[in-house]
Amino acid sequence: MSIAASSPAAAEPVTTGPLNILGSAVVRGPVTVEGPLKVGGNLAVHGPLTAERVAQLQPDEAERRAGDNNFYGPLTVKGPLVVRGDLEVRGPLTVKGPAGAVGKIDVDGPITERP
């Protein structure tokens, strides 16, 4: 499933079930994932990252594909989130499971790993 949302003038919170994004995604606001996060490309977080653990993934764990998806406002994913491209989060990222990326992981704020 590929989702794109664009409404820059009025940000709306988005809550969805497990989410598989084909291609890259930019989220302009905080992201909460109530499960694991797998990114097939690079993970860039402009804010703090909190997760069970943060790790480099093997390429076969999240295949990379082309695509461009934008979300405005807070994004909550109830279950796993798989991004088959790069993921940029412009706000804090909270993952209630492990977080990993095949590419580089770049976080502007602190990284907190919790059990």
PDB file of N, CA and C in Angstrom:
ATOM      1  N   MET A   1       0.845  -1.157   0.000  1.00  0.00           N
ATOM      2  CA  MET A   1       0.000   0.000   0.000  1.00  0.00           C
ATOM      3  C   MET A   1       0.892   1.222   0.000  1.00  0.00           C
ATOM      4  N   SER A   2       0.614   2.186  -0.797  1.00  0.00           N
ATOM      5  CA  SER A   2       1.348   3.445  -0.849  1.00  0.00           C
ATOM      6  C   SER A   2       0.383   4.551  -0.488  1.00  0.00           C
ATOM      7  N   ILE A   3       0.800   5.396   0.450  1.00  0.00           N
ATOM      8  CA  ILE A   3      -0.085   6.463   0.913  1.00  0.00           C
ATOM      9  C   ILE A   3       0.615   7.793   0.727  1.00  0.00           C
ATOM     10  N   ALA A   4      -0.113   8.783   0.262  1.00  0.00           N
ATOM     11  CA  ALA A   4       0.413  10.141   0.168  1.00  0.00           C
ATOM     12  C   ALA A   4      -0.648  11.091   0.691  1.00  0.00           C
ATOM     13  N   ALA A   5      -0.221  12.007   1.525  1.00  0.00           N
ATOM     14  CA  ALA A   5      -1.154  12.997   2.068  1.00  0.00           C
ATOM     15  C   ALA A   5      -0.514  14.364   1.909  1.00  0.00           C
ATOM     16  N   SER A   6      -1.284  15.327   1.433  1.00  0.00           N
ATOM     17  CA  SER A   6      -0.706  16.661   1.296  1.00  0.00           C
ATOM     18  C   SER A   6      -1.756  17.716   1.615  1.00  0.00           C
ATOM     19  N   SER A   7      -1.503  18.402   2.706  1.00  0.00           N
ATOM     20  CA  SER A   7      -2.379  19.471   3.165  1.00  0.00           C
ATOM     21  C   SER A   7      -1.580  20.398   4.053  1.00  0.00           C
ATOM     22  N   PRO A   8      -0.591  21.112   3.502  1.00  0.00           N
ATOM     23  CA  PRO A   8       0.327  21.872   4.328  1.00  0.00           C
ATOM     24  C   PRO A   8      -0.331  22.976   5.148  1.00  0.00           C
ATOM     25  N   ALA A   9      -1.437  23.519   4.725  1.00  0.00           N
ATOM     26  CA  ALA A   9      -2.064  24.624   5.449  1.00  0.00           C
ATOM     27  C   ALA A   9      -2.714  24.154   6.741  1.00  0.00           C
ATOM     28  N   ALA A  10      -3.246  22.942   6.784  1.00  0.00           N
ATOM     29  CA  ALA A  10      -3.935  22.435   7.967  1.00  0.00           C
ATOM     30  C   ALA A  10      -3.488  21.009   8.240  1.00  0.00           C
ATOM     31  N   ALA A  11      -2.489  20.863   9.111  1.00  0.00           N
ATOM     32  CA  ALA A  11      -1.981  19.537   9.429  1.00  0.00           C
ATOM     33  C   ALA A  11      -3.039  18.753  10.188  1.00  0.00           C
ATOM     34  N   GLU A  12      -3.195  17.504   9.807  1.00  0.00           N
ATOM     35  CA  GLU A  12      -4.171  16.619  10.441  1.00  0.00           C
ATOM     36  C   GLU A  12      -3.436  15.406  10.984  1.00  0.00           C
ATOM     37  N   PRO A  13      -3.744  14.998  12.210  1.00  0.00           N
ATOM     38  CA  PRO A  13      -3.148  13.748  12.697  1.00  0.00           C
ATOM     39  C   PRO A  13      -3.631  12.573  11.846  1.00  0.00           C
ATOM     40  N   VAL A  14      -2.722  11.656  11.539  1.00  0.00           N
ATOM     41  CA  VAL A  14      -3.057  10.471  10.765  1.00  0.00           C
ATOM     42  C   VAL A  14      -2.767   9.253  11.645  1.00  0.00           C
ATOM     43  N   THR A  15      -3.759   8.384  11.797  1.00  0.00           N
ATOM     44  CA  THR A  15      -3.581   7.117  12.506  1.00  0.00           C
ATOM     45  C   THR A  15      -3.981   6.012  11.547  1.00  0.00           C
ATOM     46  N   THR A  16      -3.117   5.013  11.428  1.00  0.00           N
ATOM     47  CA  THR A  16      -3.376   3.923  10.497  1.00  0.00           C
ATOM     48  C   THR A  16      -2.877   2.620  11.099  1.00  0.00           C
ATOM     49  N   GLY A  17      -3.276   1.509  10.516  1.00  0.00           N
ATOM     50  CA  GLY A  17      -2.825   0.198  10.974  1.00  0.00           C
ATOM     51  C   GLY A  17      -1.435  -0.092  10.464  1.00  0.00           C
ATOM     52  N   PRO A  18      -1.014  -1.332  10.403  1.00  0.00           N
ATOM     53  CA  PRO A  18       0.305  -1.622   9.835  1.00  0.00           C
ATOM     54  C   PRO A  18       0.445  -0.908   8.493  1.00  0.00           C
ATOM     55  N   LEU A  19       1.629  -0.367   8.225  1.00  0.00           N
ATOM     56  CA  LEU A  19       1.808   0.459   7.038  1.00  0.00           C
ATOM     57  C   LEU A  19       3.058   0.040   6.290  1.00  0.00           C
ATOM     58  N   ASN A  20       2.913  -0.200   4.992  1.00  0.00           N
ATOM     59  CA  ASN A  20       4.000  -0.541   4.092  1.00  0.00           C
ATOM     60  C   ASN A  20       4.037   0.556   3.041  1.00  0.00           C
ATOM     61  N   ILE A  21       5.080   1.395   3.066  1.00  0.00           N
ATOM     62  CA  ILE A  21       5.183   2.523   2.148  1.00  0.00           C
ATOM     63  C   ILE A  21       6.131   2.157   1.021  1.00  0.00           C
ATOM     64  N   LEU A  22       5.637   2.220  -0.221  1.00  0.00           N
ATOM     65  CA  LEU A  22       6.472   1.952  -1.385  1.00  0.00           C
ATOM     66  C   LEU A  22       7.222   3.225  -1.745  1.00  0.00           C
ATOM     67  N   GLY A  23       8.525   3.199  -1.627  1.00  0.00           N
ATOM     68  CA  GLY A  23       9.335   4.364  -1.931  1.00  0.00           C
ATOM     69  C   GLY A  23       9.693   5.131  -0.680  1.00  0.00           C
ATOM     70  N   SER A  24      10.182   6.347  -0.878  1.00  0.00           N
ATOM     71  CA  SER A  24      10.620   7.198   0.222  1.00  0.00           C
ATOM     72  C   SER A  24       9.453   7.966   0.822  1.00  0.00           C
ATOM     73  N   ALA A  25       9.658   8.452   2.060  1.00  0.00           N
ATOM     74  CA  ALA A  25       8.608   9.200   2.742  1.00  0.00           C
ATOM     75  C   ALA A  25       9.214  10.315   3.570  1.00  0.00           C
ATOM     76  N   VAL A  26       8.485  11.439   3.629  1.00  0.00           N
ATOM     77  CA  VAL A  26       8.828  12.561   4.497  1.00  0.00           C
ATOM     78  C   VAL A  26       7.618  12.800   5.388  1.00  0.00           C
ATOM     79  N   VAL A  27       7.850  12.865   6.708  1.00  0.00           N
ATOM     80  CA  VAL A  27       6.780  13.150   7.655  1.00  0.00           C
ATOM     81  C   VAL A  27       7.118  14.471   8.337  1.00  0.00           C
ATOM     82  N   ARG A  28       6.246  15.452   8.158  1.00  0.00           N
ATOM     83  CA  ARG A  28       6.437  16.773   8.764  1.00  0.00           C
ATOM     84  C   ARG A  28       5.668  16.810  10.077  1.00  0.00           C
ATOM     85  N   GLY A  29       6.253  16.239  11.088  1.00  0.00           N
ATOM     86  CA  GLY A  29       5.638  16.151  12.403  1.00  0.00           C
ATOM     87  C   GLY A  29       6.117  14.896  13.098  1.00  0.00           C
ATOM     88  N   PRO A  30       5.709  14.699  14.343  1.00  0.00           N
ATOM     89  CA  PRO A  30       6.159  13.530  15.089  1.00  0.00           C
ATOM     90  C   PRO A  30       5.581  12.233  14.541  1.00  0.00           C
ATOM     91  N   VAL A  31       6.327  11.143  14.751  1.00  0.00           N
ATOM     92  CA  VAL A  31       5.893   9.817  14.318  1.00  0.00           C
ATOM     93  C   VAL A  31       5.961   8.866  15.514  1.00  0.00           C
ATOM     94  N   THR A  32       4.885   8.085  15.695  1.00  0.00           N
ATOM     95  CA  THR A  32       4.851   7.024  16.703  1.00  0.00           C
ATOM     96  C   THR A  32       4.530   5.726  15.987  1.00  0.00           C
ATOM     97  N   VAL A  33       5.370   4.714  16.185  1.00  0.00           N
ATOM     98  CA  VAL A  33       5.166   3.401  15.582  1.00  0.00           C
ATOM     99  C   VAL A  33       4.972   2.406  16.721  1.00  0.00           C
ATOM    100  N   GLU A  34       3.818   1.765  16.763  1.00  0.00           N
ATOM    101  CA  GLU A  34       3.507   0.803  17.810  1.00  0.00           C
ATOM    102  C   GLU A  34       3.878  -0.602  17.352  1.00  0.00           C
ATOM    103  N   GLY A  35       5.124  -0.757  16.943  1.00  0.00           N
ATOM    104  CA  GLY A  35       5.666  -2.010  16.440  1.00  0.00           C
ATOM    105  C   GLY A  35       7.052  -1.724  15.902  1.00  0.00           C
ATOM    106  N   PRO A  36       7.634  -2.629  15.120  1.00  0.00           N
ATOM    107  CA  PRO A  36       8.968  -2.402  14.567  1.00  0.00           C
ATOM    108  C   PRO A  36       8.944  -1.448  13.376  1.00  0.00           C
ATOM    109  N   LEU A  37      10.102  -0.829  13.115  1.00  0.00           N
ATOM    110  CA  LEU A  37      10.300   0.060  11.969  1.00  0.00           C
ATOM    111  C   LEU A  37      11.455  -0.482  11.142  1.00  0.00           C
ATOM    112  N   LYS A  38      11.218  -0.702   9.836  1.00  0.00           N
ATOM    113  CA  LYS A  38      12.261  -1.130   8.903  1.00  0.00           C
ATOM    114  C   LYS A  38      12.293  -0.150   7.746  1.00  0.00           C
ATOM    115  N   VAL A  39      13.490   0.367   7.440  1.00  0.00           N
ATOM    116  CA  VAL A  39      13.666   1.338   6.365  1.00  0.00           C
ATOM    117  C   VAL A  39      14.657   0.749   5.365  1.00  0.00           C
ATOM    118  N   GLY A  40      14.252   0.677   4.086  1.00  0.00           N
ATOM    119  CA  GLY A  40      15.086   0.102   3.042  1.00  0.00           C
ATOM    120  C   GLY A  40      16.211   1.011   2.591  1.00  0.00           C
ATOM    121  N   GLY A  41      16.147   2.287   2.933  1.00  0.00           N
ATOM    122  CA  GLY A  41      17.177   3.259   2.558  1.00  0.00           C
ATOM    123  C   GLY A  41      17.752   3.906   3.797  1.00  0.00           C
ATOM    124  N   ASN A  42      17.858   5.237   3.771  1.00  0.00           N
ATOM    125  CA  ASN A  42      18.405   5.997   4.885  1.00  0.00           C
ATOM    126  C   ASN A  42      17.281   6.447   5.821  1.00  0.00           C
ATOM    127  N   LEU A  43      17.612   6.571   7.108  1.00  0.00           N
ATOM    128  CA  LEU A  43      16.694   7.089   8.114  1.00  0.00           C
ATOM    129  C   LEU A  43      17.266   8.390   8.643  1.00  0.00           C
ATOM    130  N   ALA A  44      16.536   9.501   8.459  1.00  0.00           N
ATOM    131  CA  ALA A  44      16.959  10.806   8.958  1.00  0.00           C
ATOM    132  C   ALA A  44      15.883  11.325   9.900  1.00  0.00           C
ATOM    133  N   VAL A  45      16.266  11.628  11.136  1.00  0.00           N
ATOM    134  CA  VAL A  45      15.324  12.115  12.141  1.00  0.00           C
ATOM    135  C   VAL A  45      15.799  13.480  12.618  1.00  0.00           C
ATOM    136  N   HIS A  46      14.946  14.493  12.466  1.00  0.00           N
ATOM    137  CA  HIS A  46      15.266  15.847  12.931  1.00  0.00           C
ATOM    138  C   HIS A  46      14.596  16.029  14.281  1.00  0.00           C
ATOM    139  N   GLY A  47      15.136  15.376  15.274  1.00  0.00           N
ATOM    140  CA  GLY A  47      14.594  15.351  16.621  1.00  0.00           C
ATOM    141  C   GLY A  47      15.099  14.095  17.304  1.00  0.00           C
ATOM    142  N   PRO A  48      14.602  13.800  18.496  1.00  0.00           N
ATOM    143  CA  PRO A  48      15.054  12.601  19.210  1.00  0.00           C
ATOM    144  C   PRO A  48      14.448  11.329  18.629  1.00  0.00           C
ATOM    145  N   LEU A  49      15.155  10.217  18.839  1.00  0.00           N
ATOM    146  CA  LEU A  49      14.700   8.887  18.423  1.00  0.00           C
ATOM    147  C   LEU A  49      14.681   7.995  19.652  1.00  0.00           C
ATOM    148  N   THR A  50      13.525   7.406  19.929  1.00  0.00           N
ATOM    149  CA  THR A  50      13.384   6.459  21.028  1.00  0.00           C
ATOM    150  C   THR A  50      12.898   5.142  20.439  1.00  0.00           C
ATOM    151  N   ALA A  51      13.604   4.051  20.752  1.00  0.00           N
ATOM    152  CA  ALA A  51      13.243   2.732  20.233  1.00  0.00           C
ATOM    153  C   ALA A  51      13.779   1.663  21.170  1.00  0.00           C
ATOM    154  N   GLU A  52      13.256   0.453  20.994  1.00  0.00           N
ATOM    155  CA  GLU A  52      13.753  -0.691  21.761  1.00  0.00           C
ATOM    156  C   GLU A  52      15.244  -0.880  21.492  1.00  0.00           C
ATOM    157  N   ARG A  53      15.611  -0.786  20.228  1.00  0.00           N
ATOM    158  CA  ARG A  53      17.018  -0.778  19.816  1.00  0.00           C
ATOM    159  C   ARG A  53      17.082  -0.168  18.427  1.00  0.00           C
ATOM    160  N   VAL A  54      18.252   0.337  18.062  1.00  0.00           N
ATOM    161  CA  VAL A  54      18.461   0.949  16.750  1.00  0.00           C
ATOM    162  C   VAL A  54      19.599   0.173  16.093  1.00  0.00           C
ATOM    163  N   ALA A  55      19.361  -0.339  14.880  1.00  0.00           N
ATOM    164  CA  ALA A  55      20.345  -1.222  14.261  1.00  0.00           C
ATOM    165  C   ALA A  55      20.425  -1.024  12.754  1.00  0.00           C
ATOM    166  N   GLN A  56      21.559  -1.408  12.210  1.00  0.00           N
ATOM    167  CA  GLN A  56      21.760  -1.461  10.764  1.00  0.00           C
ATOM    168  C   GLN A  56      21.154  -2.768  10.276  1.00  0.00           C
ATOM    169  N   LEU A  57      20.345  -2.721   9.222  1.00  0.00           N
ATOM    170  CA  LEU A  57      19.699  -3.913   8.677  1.00  0.00           C
ATOM    171  C   LEU A  57      20.462  -4.444   7.476  1.00  0.00           C
ATOM    172  N   GLN A  58      20.276  -5.713   7.189  1.00  0.00           N
ATOM    173  CA  GLN A  58      20.814  -6.315   5.981  1.00  0.00           C
ATOM    174  C   GLN A  58      19.915  -5.913   4.810  1.00  0.00           C
ATOM    175  N   PRO A  59      20.459  -5.756   3.595  1.00  0.00           N
ATOM    176  CA  PRO A  59      19.654  -5.311   2.450  1.00  0.00           C
ATOM    177  C   PRO A  59      18.403  -6.133   2.176  1.00  0.00           C
ATOM    178  N   ASP A  60      18.394  -7.412   2.456  1.00  0.00           N
ATOM    179  CA  ASP A  60      17.222  -8.234   2.157  1.00  0.00           C
ATOM    180  C   ASP A  60      16.090  -8.051   3.171  1.00  0.00           C
ATOM    181  N   GLU A  61      16.312  -7.293   4.258  1.00  0.00           N
ATOM    182  CA  GLU A  61      15.280  -7.102   5.271  1.00  0.00           C
ATOM    183  C   GLU A  61      14.262  -6.028   4.884  1.00  0.00           C
ATOM    184  N   ALA A  62      14.603  -5.131   3.991  1.00  0.00           N
ATOM    185  CA  ALA A  62      13.683  -4.083   3.533  1.00  0.00           C
ATOM    186  C   ALA A  62      14.117  -3.625   2.151  1.00  0.00           C
ATOM    187  N   GLU A  63      13.557  -4.224   1.133  1.00  0.00           N
ATOM    188  CA  GLU A  63      13.908  -3.922  -0.254  1.00  0.00           C
ATOM    189  C   GLU A  63      13.591  -2.465  -0.588  1.00  0.00           C
ATOM    190  N   ARG A  64      14.500  -1.795  -1.299  1.00  0.00           N
ATOM    191  CA  ARG A  64      14.337  -0.378  -1.634  1.00  0.00           C
ATOM    192  C   ARG A  64      13.620  -0.216  -2.968  1.00  0.00           C
ATOM    193  N   ARG A  65      12.651   0.708  -3.012  1.00  0.00           N
ATOM    194  CA  ARG A  65      11.905   0.998  -4.241  1.00  0.00           C
ATOM    195  C   ARG A  65      11.765   2.506  -4.416  1.00  0.00           C
ATOM    196  N   ALA A  66      11.442   2.923  -5.636  1.00  0.00           N
ATOM    197  CA  ALA A  66      11.238   4.340  -5.924  1.00  0.00           C
ATOM    198  C   ALA A  66       9.830   4.755  -5.505  1.00  0.00           C
ATOM    199  N   GLY A  67       9.681   6.026  -5.181  1.00  0.00           N
ATOM    200  CA  GLY A  67       8.377   6.567  -4.807  1.00  0.00           C
ATOM    201  C   GLY A  67       8.571   7.753  -3.882  1.00  0.00           C
ATOM    202  N   ASP A  68       7.562   8.601  -3.786  1.00  0.00           N
ATOM    203  CA  ASP A  68       7.668   9.811  -2.980  1.00  0.00           C
ATOM    204  C   ASP A  68       6.345  10.004  -2.242  1.00  0.00           C
ATOM    205  N   ASN A  69       6.379   9.921  -0.921  1.00  0.00           N
ATOM    206  CA  ASN A  69       5.185  10.032  -0.092  1.00  0.00           C
ATOM    207  C   ASN A  69       5.399  11.118   0.949  1.00  0.00           C
ATOM    208  N   ASN A  70       4.399  11.962   1.160  1.00  0.00           N
ATOM    209  CA  ASN A  70       4.488  13.048   2.128  1.00  0.00           C
ATOM    210  C   ASN A  70       3.321  12.981   3.103  1.00  0.00           C
ATOM    211  N   PHE A  71       3.617  13.187   4.387  1.00  0.00           N
ATOM    212  CA  PHE A  71       2.605  13.225   5.434  1.00  0.00           C
ATOM    213  C   PHE A  71       2.750  14.547   6.186  1.00  0.00           C
ATOM    214  N   TYR A  72       1.655  15.187   6.500  1.00  0.00           N
ATOM    215  CA  TYR A  72       1.651  16.438   7.257  1.00  0.00           C
ATOM    216  C   TYR A  72       0.925  16.193   8.564  1.00  0.00           C
ATOM    217  N   GLY A  73       1.529  16.627   9.659  1.00  0.00           N
ATOM    218  CA  GLY A  73       0.917  16.428  10.959  1.00  0.00           C
ATOM    219  C   GLY A  73       1.460  15.176  11.614  1.00  0.00           C
ATOM    220  N   PRO A  74       1.063  14.889  12.815  1.00  0.00           N
ATOM    221  CA  PRO A  74       1.543  13.679  13.498  1.00  0.00           C
ATOM    222  C   PRO A  74       1.070  12.417  12.782  1.00  0.00           C
ATOM    223  N   LEU A  75       1.931  11.398  12.758  1.00  0.00           N
ATOM    224  CA  LEU A  75       1.608  10.107  12.158  1.00  0.00           C
ATOM    225  C   LEU A  75       1.754   9.037  13.230  1.00  0.00           C
ATOM    226  N   THR A  76       0.693   8.267  13.458  1.00  0.00           N
ATOM    227  CA  THR A  76       0.726   7.136  14.382  1.00  0.00           C
ATOM    228  C   THR A  76       0.425   5.876  13.590  1.00  0.00           C
ATOM    229  N   VAL A  77       1.310   4.883  13.713  1.00  0.00           N
ATOM    230  CA  VAL A  77       1.132   3.605  13.022  1.00  0.00           C
ATOM    231  C   VAL A  77       0.916   2.538  14.088  1.00  0.00           C
ATOM    232  N   LYS A  78      -0.244   1.910  14.070  1.00  0.00           N
ATOM    233  CA  LYS A  78      -0.580   0.856  15.033  1.00  0.00           C
ATOM    234  C   LYS A  78      -0.152  -0.482  14.453  1.00  0.00           C
ATOM    235  N   GLY A  79       1.102  -0.816  14.681  1.00  0.00           N
ATOM    236  CA  GLY A  79       1.691  -2.034  14.137  1.00  0.00           C
ATOM    237  C   GLY A  79       3.004  -1.685  13.463  1.00  0.00           C
ATOM    238  N   PRO A  80       3.549  -2.586  12.664  1.00  0.00           N
ATOM    239  CA  PRO A  80       4.837  -2.335  12.014  1.00  0.00           C
ATOM    240  C   PRO A  80       4.737  -1.291  10.905  1.00  0.00           C
ATOM    241  N   LEU A  81       5.862  -0.601  10.684  1.00  0.00           N
ATOM    242  CA  LEU A  81       6.006   0.353   9.579  1.00  0.00           C
ATOM    243  C   LEU A  81       7.214  -0.076   8.763  1.00  0.00           C
ATOM    244  N   VAL A  82       7.001  -0.338   7.470  1.00  0.00           N
ATOM    245  CA  VAL A  82       8.084  -0.685   6.547  1.00  0.00           C
ATOM    246  C   VAL A  82       8.114   0.380   5.468  1.00  0.00           C
ATOM    247  N   VAL A  83       9.266   1.027   5.298  1.00  0.00           N
ATOM    248  CA  VAL A  83       9.446   2.056   4.270  1.00  0.00           C
ATOM    249  C   VAL A  83      10.453   1.508   3.270  1.00  0.00           C
ATOM    250  N   ARG A  84      10.033   1.369   2.024  1.00  0.00           N
ATOM    251  CA  ARG A  84      10.892   0.783   0.988  1.00  0.00           C
ATOM    252  C   ARG A  84      11.609   1.892   0.211  1.00  0.00           C
ATOM    253  N   GLY A  85      12.298   2.726   0.957  1.00  0.00           N
ATOM    254  CA  GLY A  85      13.041   3.868   0.442  1.00  0.00           C
ATOM    255  C   GLY A  85      13.626   4.591   1.632  1.00  0.00           C
ATOM    256  N   ASP A  86      13.868   5.894   1.497  1.00  0.00           N
ATOM    257  CA  ASP A  86      14.381   6.703   2.605  1.00  0.00           C
ATOM    258  C   ASP A  86      13.213   7.196   3.446  1.00  0.00           C
ATOM    259  N   LEU A  87      13.452   7.405   4.738  1.00  0.00           N
ATOM    260  CA  LEU A  87      12.450   7.987   5.629  1.00  0.00           C
ATOM    261  C   LEU A  87      13.069   9.193   6.314  1.00  0.00           C
ATOM    262  N   GLU A  88      12.410  10.354   6.161  1.00  0.00           N
ATOM    263  CA  GLU A  88      12.815  11.571   6.864  1.00  0.00           C
ATOM    264  C   GLU A  88      11.677  11.973   7.786  1.00  0.00           C
ATOM    265  N   VAL A  89      11.991  12.138   9.074  1.00  0.00           N
ATOM    266  CA  VAL A  89      11.006  12.548  10.076  1.00  0.00           C
ATOM    267  C   VAL A  89      11.424  13.911  10.590  1.00  0.00           C
ATOM    268  N   ARG A  90      10.550  14.894  10.433  1.00  0.00           N
ATOM    269  CA  ARG A  90      10.821  16.255  10.910  1.00  0.00           C
ATOM    270  C   ARG A  90      10.106  16.445  12.237  1.00  0.00           C
ATOM    271  N   GLY A  91      10.637  15.814  13.243  1.00  0.00           N
ATOM    272  CA  GLY A  91      10.080  15.801  14.580  1.00  0.00           C
ATOM    273  C   GLY A  91      10.580  14.560  15.293  1.00  0.00           C
ATOM    274  N   PRO A  92      10.107  14.317  16.506  1.00  0.00           N
ATOM    275  CA  PRO A  92      10.556  13.123  17.232  1.00  0.00           C
ATOM    276  C   PRO A  92       9.993  11.846  16.623  1.00  0.00           C
ATOM    277  N   LEU A  93      10.753  10.764  16.760  1.00  0.00           N
ATOM    278  CA  LEU A  93      10.341   9.437  16.300  1.00  0.00           C
ATOM    279  C   LEU A  93      10.365   8.499  17.500  1.00  0.00           C
ATOM    280  N   THR A  94       9.214   7.902  17.805  1.00  0.00           N
ATOM    281  CA  THR A  94       9.098   6.947  18.902  1.00  0.00           C
ATOM    282  C   THR A  94       8.653   5.616  18.323  1.00  0.00           C
ATOM    283  N   VAL A  95       9.440   4.567  18.574  1.00  0.00           N
ATOM    284  CA  VAL A  95       9.153   3.232  18.060  1.00  0.00           C
ATOM    285  C   VAL A  95       9.020   2.289  19.245  1.00  0.00           C
ATOM    286  N   LYS A  96       7.879   1.629  19.361  1.00  0.00           N
ATOM    287  CA  LYS A  96       7.652   0.686  20.459  1.00  0.00           C
ATOM    288  C   LYS A  96       8.075  -0.708  20.022  1.00  0.00           C
ATOM    289  N   GLY A  97       9.277  -0.802  19.525  1.00  0.00           N
ATOM    290  CA  GLY A  97       9.891  -2.020  19.015  1.00  0.00           C
ATOM    291  C   GLY A  97      11.254  -1.631  18.480  1.00  0.00           C
ATOM    292  N   PRO A  98      11.925  -2.505  17.743  1.00  0.00           N
ATOM    293  CA  PRO A  98      13.219  -2.156  17.172  1.00  0.00           C
ATOM    294  C   PRO A  98      13.065  -1.255  15.952  1.00  0.00           C
ATOM    295  N   ALA A  99      14.077  -0.438  15.718  1.00  0.00           N
ATOM    296  CA  ALA A  99      14.129   0.439  14.541  1.00  0.00           C
ATOM    297  C   ALA A  99      15.422   0.153  13.804  1.00  0.00           C
ATOM    298  N   GLY A 100      15.329   0.055  12.466  1.00  0.00           N
ATOM    299  CA  GLY A 100      16.532  -0.210  11.699  1.00  0.00           C
ATOM    300  C   GLY A 100      16.420   0.299  10.285  1.00  0.00           C
ATOM    301  N   ALA A 101      17.581   0.504   9.678  1.00  0.00           N
ATOM    302  CA  ALA A 101      17.650   0.976   8.300  1.00  0.00           C
ATOM    303  C   ALA A 101      18.786   0.257   7.595  1.00  0.00           C
ATOM    304  N   VAL A 102      18.600   0.001   6.302  1.00  0.00           N
ATOM    305  CA  VAL A 102      19.651  -0.600   5.484  1.00  0.00           C
ATOM    306  C   VAL A 102      20.741   0.442   5.242  1.00  0.00           C
ATOM    307  N   GLY A 103      20.335   1.697   5.004  1.00  0.00           N
ATOM    308  CA  GLY A 103      21.275   2.786   4.760  1.00  0.00           C
ATOM    309  C   GLY A 103      21.750   3.405   6.062  1.00  0.00           C
ATOM    310  N   LYS A 104      22.171   4.651   5.981  1.00  0.00           N
ATOM    311  CA  LYS A 104      22.687   5.315   7.181  1.00  0.00           C
ATOM    312  C   LYS A 104      21.537   5.789   8.073  1.00  0.00           C
ATOM    313  N   ILE A 105      21.855   5.921   9.350  1.00  0.00           N
ATOM    314  CA  ILE A 105      20.914   6.413  10.350  1.00  0.00           C
ATOM    315  C   ILE A 105      21.470   7.717  10.877  1.00  0.00           C
ATOM    316  N   ASP A 106      20.733   8.816  10.657  1.00  0.00           N
ATOM    317  CA  ASP A 106      21.190  10.150  11.035  1.00  0.00           C
ATOM    318  C   ASP A 106      20.118  10.784  11.922  1.00  0.00           C
ATOM    319  N   VAL A 107      20.484  11.088  13.174  1.00  0.00           N
ATOM    320  CA  VAL A 107      19.530  11.628  14.137  1.00  0.00           C
ATOM    321  C   VAL A 107      20.088  12.926  14.702  1.00  0.00           C
ATOM    322  N   ASP A 108      19.295  14.025  14.618  1.00  0.00           N
ATOM    323  CA  ASP A 108      19.729  15.317  15.140  1.00  0.00           C
ATOM    324  C   ASP A 108      19.669  15.379  16.665  1.00  0.00           C
ATOM    325  N   GLY A 109      18.752  14.665  17.280  1.00  0.00           N
ATOM    326  CA  GLY A 109      18.589  14.680  18.730  1.00  0.00           C
ATOM    327  C   GLY A 109      19.181  13.431  19.359  1.00  0.00           C
ATOM    328  N   PRO A 110      18.916  13.236  20.632  1.00  0.00           N
ATOM    329  CA  PRO A 110      19.454  12.044  21.308  1.00  0.00           C
ATOM    330  C   PRO A 110      18.759  10.771  20.853  1.00  0.00           C
ATOM    331  N   ILE A 111      19.496   9.658  20.952  1.00  0.00           N
ATOM    332  CA  ILE A 111      18.946   8.335  20.674  1.00  0.00           C
ATOM    333  C   ILE A 111      18.803   7.631  22.018  1.00  0.00           C
ATOM    334  N   THR A 112      17.585   7.185  22.327  1.00  0.00           N
ATOM    335  CA  THR A 112      17.334   6.472  23.575  1.00  0.00           C
ATOM    336  C   THR A 112      16.856   5.072  23.238  1.00  0.00           C
ATOM    337  N   GLU A 113      17.606   4.067  23.711  1.00  0.00           N
ATOM    338  CA  GLU A 113      17.189   2.688  23.547  1.00  0.00           C
ATOM    339  C   GLU A 113      16.618   2.218  24.871  1.00  0.00           C
ATOM    340  N   ARG A 114      15.430   1.618  24.818  1.00  0.00           N
ATOM    341  CA  ARG A 114      14.777   1.160  26.045  1.00  0.00           C
ATOM    342  C   ARG A 114      14.299  -0.271  25.844  1.00  0.00           C
ATOM    343  N   PRO A 115      14.214  -1.016  26.940  1.00  0.00           N
ATOM    344  CA  PRO A 115      13.766  -2.417  26.819  1.00  0.00           C
ATOM    345  C   PRO A 115      12.307  -2.522  26.445  1.00  0.00           C
TER     346      PRO A 115
END
